[in-house]
Amino acid sequence: MGLWLFLVFVALLIVEIGLFIVVGGAIGVLPTLLLVIAAGAVGLAVIRAQGLAALGRLEQAVSTGGDPVGPMAHGALKVVAGLLLLMPGFLTDALGLALLMPAVRRALVRRGAARVTVRATSYARAHRPGGGSARPVEVIEADYEVVDGGTRPPGGGSGWTRQP
């Protein structure tokens, strides 16, 4: 896995350098640098705006009884889009801009949801009789051994045992 990830990173780096050379040769160095800086600023703005907006959509989905997975997935993909735009390079910028399109995000969420298996587990808490705001009862399971009052455990008293 590590070698595969390293090779992908090196290939991405080579492609980005090649794109910098091609774009820089076509439009010039200064416009190329301005495009990279502008894309970074847009990426930063997307990340900042997405944090608050994602919380709002998540809260709305939960309050209406809807499924919060969709808003969470779209929010995460928008953050990834912002990070891709923040990284210098034209390929990452193109991928980031593609992720900002709702149709692309919907397709990725559908594809990802088809591969995910959901397992639900529920837990019940025991409450004291009478209901209300009683604290939950904690049940502690333990093995124990009855020790005669005249015998002491090996190693002497620990402060937790009764002294004779």
Protein backbone atom coordinates (compact mmCIF):
# COMPACT_ATOMS: atom_id res chain seq x y z
CA MET A 1 0.00 0.00 0.00
CA GLY A 2 2.79 2.41 0.92
CA LEU A 3 4.69 1.88 -2.34
CA TRP A 4 1.52 2.26 -4.40
CA LEU A 5 0.67 5.53 -2.65
CA PHE A 6 4.22 6.80 -3.16
CA LEU A 7 4.05 6.02 -6.90
CA VAL A 8 0.73 7.85 -7.23
CA PHE A 9 2.21 10.85 -5.43
CA VAL A 10 5.29 10.90 -7.71
CA ALA A 11 3.10 10.54 -10.83
CA LEU A 12 0.89 13.43 -9.63
CA LEU A 13 3.96 15.54 -9.03
CA ILE A 14 5.34 14.85 -12.52
CA VAL A 15 1.97 15.64 -14.15
CA GLU A 16 1.65 18.90 -12.16
CA ILE A 17 5.17 20.03 -13.13
CA GLY A 18 4.43 19.24 -16.77
CA LEU A 19 1.19 21.22 -16.62
CA PHE A 20 2.99 24.17 -15.03
CA ILE A 21 5.47 24.16 -17.93
CA VAL A 22 2.76 23.90 -20.59
CA VAL A 23 0.46 26.54 -19.05
CA GLY A 24 3.38 28.83 -18.18
CA GLY A 25 4.64 28.60 -21.77
CA ALA A 26 1.19 29.36 -23.16
CA ILE A 27 0.12 32.29 -20.97
CA GLY A 28 3.33 33.38 -19.26
CA VAL A 29 4.81 33.06 -15.80
CA LEU A 30 2.93 35.86 -14.02
CA PRO A 31 -0.56 34.82 -15.17
CA THR A 32 0.28 31.21 -14.25
CA LEU A 33 1.29 32.23 -10.73
CA LEU A 34 -1.81 34.43 -10.40
CA LEU A 35 -4.02 31.48 -11.41
CA VAL A 36 -2.40 29.27 -8.78
CA ILE A 37 -2.79 31.96 -6.09
CA ALA A 38 -6.41 32.62 -7.09
CA ALA A 39 -7.21 28.90 -6.96
CA GLY A 40 -5.66 28.73 -3.49
CA ALA A 41 -7.77 31.67 -2.32
CA VAL A 42 -10.92 30.03 -3.69
CA GLY A 43 -9.98 26.77 -1.96
CA LEU A 44 -9.50 28.56 1.34
CA ALA A 45 -12.85 30.33 0.95
CA VAL A 46 -14.58 27.02 0.19
CA ILE A 47 -13.09 25.38 3.28
CA ARG A 48 -14.07 28.30 5.54
CA ALA A 49 -17.62 28.54 4.20
CA GLN A 50 -18.13 24.80 4.17
CA GLY A 51 -17.54 24.37 7.89
CA LEU A 52 -20.49 26.50 8.95
CA ALA A 53 -22.74 25.47 6.08
CA ALA A 54 -22.17 21.75 6.73
CA LEU A 55 -23.14 22.17 10.38
CA GLY A 56 -26.34 23.96 9.35
CA ARG A 57 -27.32 21.26 6.85
CA LEU A 58 -26.50 18.50 9.31
CA GLU A 59 -28.60 20.15 12.04
CA GLN A 60 -31.50 20.64 9.61
CA ALA A 61 -31.37 16.99 8.49
CA VAL A 62 -31.34 15.72 12.06
CA SER A 63 -34.11 18.07 13.25
CA THR A 64 -36.44 17.05 10.43
CA GLY A 65 -35.75 13.37 11.03
CA GLY A 66 -33.89 12.96 7.76
CA ASP A 67 -30.76 11.02 7.02
CA PRO A 68 -27.65 13.05 7.97
CA VAL A 69 -25.32 10.93 5.82
CA GLY A 70 -26.01 12.86 2.61
CA PRO A 71 -25.21 16.31 4.01
CA MET A 72 -22.15 14.91 5.78
CA ALA A 73 -20.84 13.27 2.59
CA HIS A 74 -21.45 16.39 0.48
CA GLY A 75 -19.79 18.54 3.13
CA ALA A 76 -16.76 16.25 3.27
CA LEU A 77 -16.45 16.28 -0.52
CA LYS A 78 -16.61 20.08 -0.55
CA VAL A 79 -13.80 20.21 2.01
CA VAL A 80 -11.77 17.84 -0.18
CA ALA A 81 -12.51 20.14 -3.12
CA GLY A 82 -11.23 23.11 -1.12
CA LEU A 83 -8.08 21.23 -0.17
CA LEU A 84 -7.46 20.27 -3.80
CA LEU A 85 -7.90 23.90 -4.84
CA LEU A 86 -5.55 24.99 -2.07
CA MET A 87 -2.79 22.71 -3.37
CA PRO A 88 -0.69 24.30 -6.10
CA GLY A 89 -1.25 22.64 -9.44
CA PHE A 90 -3.66 22.58 -12.34
CA LEU A 91 -4.70 18.92 -12.17
CA THR A 92 -5.63 19.21 -8.50
CA ASP A 93 -7.46 22.46 -9.28
CA ALA A 94 -9.46 20.73 -12.02
CA LEU A 95 -10.36 17.89 -9.65
CA GLY A 96 -11.33 20.40 -6.95
CA LEU A 97 -13.54 22.36 -9.33
CA ALA A 98 -15.17 19.12 -10.46
CA LEU A 99 -15.97 18.24 -6.84
CA LEU A 100 -17.69 21.60 -6.41
CA MET A 101 -20.29 20.56 -9.00
CA PRO A 102 -23.36 19.02 -7.29
CA ALA A 103 -23.85 16.39 -10.01
CA VAL A 104 -20.32 15.06 -9.53
CA ARG A 105 -20.74 14.95 -5.75
CA ARG A 106 -24.11 13.16 -6.05
CA ALA A 107 -22.57 10.55 -8.36
CA LEU A 108 -19.67 9.98 -5.97
CA VAL A 109 -21.98 9.74 -2.95
CA ARG A 110 -24.23 7.24 -4.78
CA ARG A 111 -21.22 5.18 -5.83
CA GLY A 112 -19.75 5.28 -2.34
CA ALA A 113 -23.07 4.43 -0.71
CA ALA A 114 -23.42 1.36 -2.94
CA ARG A 115 -20.13 0.02 -1.54
CA VAL A 116 -20.86 0.70 2.13
CA THR A 117 -22.43 -1.85 4.44
CA VAL A 118 -24.24 -0.40 7.43
CA ARG A 119 -24.51 -2.37 10.65
CA ALA A 120 -26.69 -0.94 13.36
CA THR A 121 -26.25 -1.69 17.03
CA SER A 122 -28.48 -0.38 19.77
CA TYR A 123 -27.77 -0.17 23.46
CA ALA A 124 -30.31 0.20 26.26
CA ARG A 125 -29.59 1.88 29.56
CA ALA A 126 -31.14 0.65 32.79
CA HIS A 127 -32.84 3.29 34.93
CA ARG A 128 -33.92 3.24 38.55
CA PRO A 129 -37.59 2.61 39.30
CA GLY A 130 -39.70 5.72 39.32
CA GLY A 131 -38.33 7.14 36.10
CA GLY A 132 -37.66 10.85 36.06
CA SER A 133 -34.15 12.10 35.82
CA ALA A 134 -32.54 9.29 37.81
CA ARG A 135 -28.99 8.44 36.93
CA PRO A 136 -28.42 5.21 35.00
CA VAL A 137 -27.61 2.19 37.13
CA GLU A 138 -24.13 0.86 36.57
CA VAL A 139 -23.76 -2.89 36.71
CA ILE A 140 -20.27 -4.12 37.49
CA GLU A 141 -19.63 -7.79 36.90
CA ALA A 142 -16.78 -9.34 38.87
CA ASP A 143 -15.42 -12.60 40.19
CA TYR A 144 -14.94 -12.68 43.93
CA GLU A 145 -13.66 -14.95 46.66
CA VAL A 146 -14.77 -14.94 50.29
CA VAL A 147 -11.81 -14.56 52.64
CA ASP A 148 -12.10 -15.52 56.31
CA GLY A 149 -11.62 -12.59 58.69
CA GLY A 150 -8.54 -14.24 60.28
CA THR A 151 -6.55 -14.82 57.07
CA ARG A 152 -4.69 -12.13 55.25
CA PRO A 153 -3.97 -12.14 51.56
CA PRO A 154 -0.37 -12.84 50.58
CA GLY A 155 1.80 -9.75 50.45
CA GLY A 156 0.30 -8.03 53.48
CA GLY A 157 -2.43 -5.47 53.76
CA SER A 158 -2.94 -3.07 50.92
CA GLY A 159 -5.20 -0.64 52.71
CA TRP A 160 -8.19 -2.19 50.95
CA THR A 161 -8.41 -5.17 53.24
CA ARG A 162 -9.68 -5.35 56.80
CA GLN A 163 -6.93 -5.54 59.38
CA PRO A 164 -7.32 -8.29 62.14
